[in-house]
Each structure stands twice: as structure tokens, then as C-alpha cells.
């Protein structure tokens, strides 16, 4: 397998995991799935927020782009609610 094929395979796996996490959140929120599904979905959402934070910091450090992205800020605020709101 070539290096490009390996990268593409990893992108597909990452995309499936991302979509699967979104599906778990949907099952818990809309269809009344178990608390375990909700907990896994919460972890998924927190992961997404960390990803956004690291992306903003990367852009700031590497590209010298000021972190003034409104959607990114809203996303990070949402993650703070997910992480710290009492269950």
C-alpha cells in the first residue's frame, strides 16, 4: 500500500468515526438511548472542541492568523457547556 493510500484510508476511518460520534449524540438526544451512549457522545463533542481549539492555535502560531473566528468561538463556548454543565 502506498503512502497516499494509507493517508486516504486514515481520512476515511477518521470520517467514519466522526460521523459515528454524531450519530451517537443523535440517538441519545432524540431517540432516548442509554446514558452510556450519551456519555460517549459527550466525549465525542469534547473531542470536537479540542480539535477546534488546536486548529485555532495552529493557525495563530503557524499562519499568524489572529483567532477571531466567530464560529470557532461559538463552538468553544458550546464545548465549555458540554464539559462543565452539571449533568
N, C-alpha and C. Protein backbone atom coordinates (compact mmCIF):
# COMPACT_ATOMS: atom_id res chain seq x y z
N UNK A 1 0.85 -1.17 0.00
CA UNK A 1 0.00 0.00 0.00
C UNK A 1 0.90 1.24 0.00
N UNK A 2 0.61 2.16 -0.87
CA UNK A 2 1.42 3.37 -0.97
C UNK A 2 1.09 4.30 0.20
N UNK A 3 1.96 5.27 0.41
CA UNK A 3 1.75 6.23 1.49
C UNK A 3 0.48 7.04 1.28
N UNK A 4 0.17 7.37 0.03
CA UNK A 4 -1.05 8.13 -0.27
C UNK A 4 -2.28 7.28 0.04
N UNK A 5 -2.24 6.01 -0.29
CA UNK A 5 -3.36 5.11 0.00
C UNK A 5 -3.56 4.99 1.52
N UNK A 6 -2.47 4.94 2.28
CA UNK A 6 -2.58 4.88 3.74
C UNK A 6 -3.21 6.16 4.28
N UNK A 7 -2.79 7.31 3.77
CA UNK A 7 -3.38 8.57 4.22
C UNK A 7 -4.86 8.62 3.91
N UNK A 8 -5.22 8.22 2.71
CA UNK A 8 -6.63 8.22 2.33
C UNK A 8 -7.44 7.29 3.22
N UNK A 9 -6.88 6.12 3.52
CA UNK A 9 -7.57 5.18 4.41
C UNK A 9 -7.77 5.79 5.79
N UNK A 10 -6.76 6.46 6.31
CA UNK A 10 -6.89 7.10 7.62
C UNK A 10 -7.94 8.21 7.61
N UNK A 11 -8.01 8.97 6.52
CA UNK A 11 -9.04 10.00 6.41
C UNK A 11 -10.44 9.39 6.40
N UNK A 12 -10.59 8.27 5.71
CA UNK A 12 -11.89 7.60 5.66
C UNK A 12 -12.27 7.08 7.05
N UNK A 13 -11.32 6.46 7.74
CA UNK A 13 -11.58 5.96 9.10
C UNK A 13 -11.94 7.12 10.03
N UNK A 14 -11.20 8.22 9.96
CA UNK A 14 -11.49 9.38 10.81
C UNK A 14 -12.88 9.93 10.50
N UNK A 15 -13.24 9.99 9.23
CA UNK A 15 -14.56 10.47 8.84
C UNK A 15 -15.67 9.57 9.36
N UNK A 16 -15.46 8.26 9.30
CA UNK A 16 -16.45 7.32 9.83
C UNK A 16 -16.60 7.47 11.34
N UNK A 17 -15.49 7.66 12.05
CA UNK A 17 -15.56 7.86 13.49
C UNK A 17 -16.29 9.16 13.82
N UNK A 18 -16.00 10.20 13.08
CA UNK A 18 -16.67 11.49 13.29
C UNK A 18 -18.17 11.36 13.06
N UNK A 19 -18.55 10.73 11.97
CA UNK A 19 -19.97 10.54 11.66
C UNK A 19 -20.64 9.64 12.69
N UNK A 20 -19.94 8.60 13.11
CA UNK A 20 -20.49 7.69 14.11
C UNK A 20 -20.72 8.39 15.44
N UNK A 21 -19.81 9.28 15.83
CA UNK A 21 -19.99 10.04 17.06
C UNK A 21 -21.20 10.95 16.99
N UNK A 22 -21.38 11.61 15.85
CA UNK A 22 -22.57 12.44 15.66
C UNK A 22 -23.84 11.62 15.73
N UNK A 23 -23.80 10.42 15.19
CA UNK A 23 -24.96 9.52 15.23
C UNK A 23 -25.28 9.12 16.67
N UNK A 24 -24.25 8.87 17.49
CA UNK A 24 -24.48 8.53 18.90
C UNK A 24 -25.15 9.67 19.65
N UNK A 25 -24.70 10.90 19.40
CA UNK A 25 -25.34 12.05 20.03
C UNK A 25 -26.80 12.12 19.62
N UNK A 26 -27.06 11.91 18.36
CA UNK A 26 -28.44 11.95 17.87
C UNK A 26 -29.29 10.87 18.54
N UNK A 27 -28.79 9.67 18.65
CA UNK A 27 -29.53 8.59 19.27
C UNK A 27 -29.86 8.89 20.73
N UNK A 28 -28.90 9.46 21.43
CA UNK A 28 -29.11 9.76 22.84
C UNK A 28 -30.10 10.90 23.01
N UNK A 29 -29.93 11.96 22.21
CA UNK A 29 -30.73 13.17 22.39
C UNK A 29 -32.16 12.99 21.88
N UNK A 30 -32.32 12.47 20.69
CA UNK A 30 -33.64 12.41 20.06
C UNK A 30 -34.39 11.11 20.29
N UNK A 31 -33.66 10.02 20.44
CA UNK A 31 -34.34 8.73 20.50
C UNK A 31 -34.26 8.08 21.87
N UNK A 32 -33.77 8.80 22.87
CA UNK A 32 -33.76 8.30 24.24
C UNK A 32 -32.85 7.10 24.46
N UNK A 33 -31.71 7.08 23.82
CA UNK A 33 -30.76 5.98 24.02
C UNK A 33 -30.21 6.04 25.44
N UNK A 34 -29.49 5.03 25.85
CA UNK A 34 -29.00 4.90 27.22
C UNK A 34 -28.01 6.02 27.58
N UNK A 35 -27.75 6.14 28.88
CA UNK A 35 -26.81 7.13 29.38
C UNK A 35 -25.40 6.86 28.86
N UNK A 36 -25.09 5.58 28.58
CA UNK A 36 -23.76 5.25 28.07
C UNK A 36 -23.56 5.87 26.69
N UNK A 37 -24.58 5.80 25.86
CA UNK A 37 -24.50 6.43 24.54
C UNK A 37 -24.33 7.93 24.69
N UNK A 38 -25.04 8.53 25.66
CA UNK A 38 -24.90 9.96 25.92
C UNK A 38 -23.50 10.31 26.39
N UNK A 39 -22.93 9.46 27.24
CA UNK A 39 -21.57 9.72 27.74
C UNK A 39 -20.55 9.65 26.60
N UNK A 40 -20.70 8.65 25.74
CA UNK A 40 -19.79 8.53 24.60
C UNK A 40 -19.96 9.74 23.68
N UNK A 41 -21.22 10.17 23.47
CA UNK A 41 -21.47 11.36 22.65
C UNK A 41 -20.87 12.60 23.26
N UNK A 42 -20.88 12.68 24.58
CA UNK A 42 -20.29 13.84 25.26
C UNK A 42 -18.78 13.87 25.04
N UNK A 43 -18.17 12.71 25.12
CA UNK A 43 -16.73 12.62 24.84
C UNK A 43 -16.44 13.05 23.41
N UNK A 44 -17.28 12.60 22.48
CA UNK A 44 -17.13 12.97 21.07
C UNK A 44 -17.21 14.48 20.89
N UNK A 45 -18.18 15.12 21.56
CA UNK A 45 -18.35 16.56 21.43
C UNK A 45 -17.16 17.30 22.03
N UNK A 46 -16.66 16.82 23.15
CA UNK A 46 -15.49 17.45 23.75
C UNK A 46 -14.28 17.30 22.84
N UNK A 47 -14.13 16.15 22.21
CA UNK A 47 -13.04 15.94 21.24
C UNK A 47 -13.14 16.97 20.12
N UNK A 48 -14.35 17.20 19.62
CA UNK A 48 -14.53 18.18 18.55
C UNK A 48 -14.10 19.57 18.98
N UNK A 49 -14.41 19.93 20.21
CA UNK A 49 -13.99 21.23 20.72
C UNK A 49 -12.48 21.36 20.86
N UNK A 50 -11.84 20.30 21.32
CA UNK A 50 -10.38 20.31 21.41
C UNK A 50 -9.78 20.43 20.02
N UNK A 51 -10.37 19.75 19.06
CA UNK A 51 -9.90 19.84 17.68
C UNK A 51 -10.00 21.28 17.17
N UNK A 52 -11.11 21.95 17.45
CA UNK A 52 -11.29 23.34 17.02
C UNK A 52 -10.26 24.22 17.72
N UNK A 53 -10.08 24.04 19.02
CA UNK A 53 -9.11 24.85 19.75
C UNK A 53 -7.70 24.67 19.19
N UNK A 54 -7.29 23.44 18.95
CA UNK A 54 -5.97 23.20 18.40
C UNK A 54 -5.83 23.77 16.99
N UNK A 55 -6.90 23.73 16.22
CA UNK A 55 -6.87 24.31 14.87
C UNK A 55 -6.69 25.81 14.92
N UNK A 56 -7.39 26.47 15.85
CA UNK A 56 -7.25 27.91 16.01
C UNK A 56 -5.84 28.27 16.45
N UNK A 57 -5.32 27.51 17.44
CA UNK A 57 -3.96 27.77 17.91
C UNK A 57 -2.92 27.51 16.83
N UNK A 58 -3.14 26.47 16.03
CA UNK A 58 -2.24 26.17 14.91
C UNK A 58 -2.22 27.34 13.92
N UNK A 59 -3.40 27.80 13.55
CA UNK A 59 -3.49 28.93 12.62
C UNK A 59 -2.83 30.18 13.17
N UNK A 60 -2.95 30.39 14.47
CA UNK A 60 -2.35 31.55 15.11
C UNK A 60 -0.83 31.43 15.13
N UNK A 61 -0.32 30.25 15.48
CA UNK A 61 1.12 30.07 15.62
C UNK A 61 1.83 29.91 14.28
N UNK A 62 1.25 29.14 13.38
CA UNK A 62 1.92 28.81 12.13
C UNK A 62 1.62 29.83 11.02
N UNK A 63 0.34 30.16 10.85
CA UNK A 63 -0.06 31.06 9.76
C UNK A 63 -0.14 32.51 10.19
N UNK A 64 0.07 32.77 11.46
CA UNK A 64 -0.03 34.12 12.01
C UNK A 64 -1.41 34.75 11.76
N UNK A 65 -2.43 33.90 11.76
CA UNK A 65 -3.81 34.36 11.59
C UNK A 65 -4.40 34.60 12.98
N UNK A 66 -4.92 35.78 13.20
CA UNK A 66 -5.50 36.10 14.51
C UNK A 66 -6.74 35.26 14.74
N UNK A 67 -6.91 34.72 15.93
CA UNK A 67 -8.05 33.85 16.21
C UNK A 67 -9.34 34.63 16.48
N UNK A 68 -9.93 35.15 15.42
CA UNK A 68 -11.16 35.94 15.55
C UNK A 68 -12.34 35.28 14.85
N UNK A 69 -12.29 33.98 14.69
CA UNK A 69 -13.33 33.25 14.00
C UNK A 69 -14.56 33.12 14.91
N UNK A 70 -15.67 33.72 14.51
CA UNK A 70 -16.88 33.71 15.33
C UNK A 70 -17.43 32.30 15.52
N UNK A 71 -17.46 31.52 14.47
CA UNK A 71 -17.98 30.15 14.60
C UNK A 71 -17.10 29.30 15.50
N UNK A 72 -15.81 29.47 15.40
CA UNK A 72 -14.90 28.75 16.28
C UNK A 72 -15.12 29.13 17.74
N UNK A 73 -15.34 30.43 17.99
CA UNK A 73 -15.60 30.90 19.34
C UNK A 73 -16.89 30.31 19.88
N UNK A 74 -17.93 30.28 19.05
CA UNK A 74 -19.21 29.68 19.47
C UNK A 74 -19.05 28.20 19.75
N UNK A 75 -18.26 27.52 18.93
CA UNK A 75 -18.01 26.10 19.12
C UNK A 75 -17.32 25.86 20.45
N UNK A 76 -16.30 26.66 20.76
CA UNK A 76 -15.58 26.50 22.03
C UNK A 76 -16.48 26.81 23.22
N UNK A 77 -17.37 27.78 23.08
CA UNK A 77 -18.32 28.07 24.15
C UNK A 77 -19.25 26.88 24.36
N UNK A 78 -19.67 26.26 23.27
CA UNK A 78 -20.51 25.07 23.37
C UNK A 78 -19.80 23.92 24.05
N UNK A 79 -18.53 23.76 23.75
CA UNK A 79 -17.75 22.70 24.40
C UNK A 79 -17.64 22.96 25.89
N UNK A 80 -17.46 24.23 26.28
CA UNK A 80 -17.39 24.56 27.70
C UNK A 80 -18.68 24.16 28.41
N UNK A 81 -19.81 24.39 27.76
CA UNK A 81 -21.10 23.98 28.33
C UNK A 81 -21.15 22.46 28.45
N UNK A 82 -20.75 21.76 27.40
CA UNK A 82 -20.77 20.30 27.42
C UNK A 82 -19.87 19.74 28.53
N UNK A 83 -18.70 20.32 28.67
CA UNK A 83 -17.74 19.80 29.63
C UNK A 83 -18.10 20.13 31.07
N UNK A 84 -18.64 21.34 31.32
CA UNK A 84 -18.75 21.81 32.69
C UNK A 84 -20.18 22.01 33.20
N UNK A 85 -21.19 21.85 32.35
CA UNK A 85 -22.56 21.98 32.81
C UNK A 85 -22.90 20.77 33.67
N UNK A 86 -23.53 20.99 34.81
CA UNK A 86 -23.84 19.85 35.68
C UNK A 86 -24.77 18.85 34.97
N UNK A 87 -24.45 17.59 35.12
CA UNK A 87 -25.26 16.54 34.48
C UNK A 87 -26.50 16.23 35.30
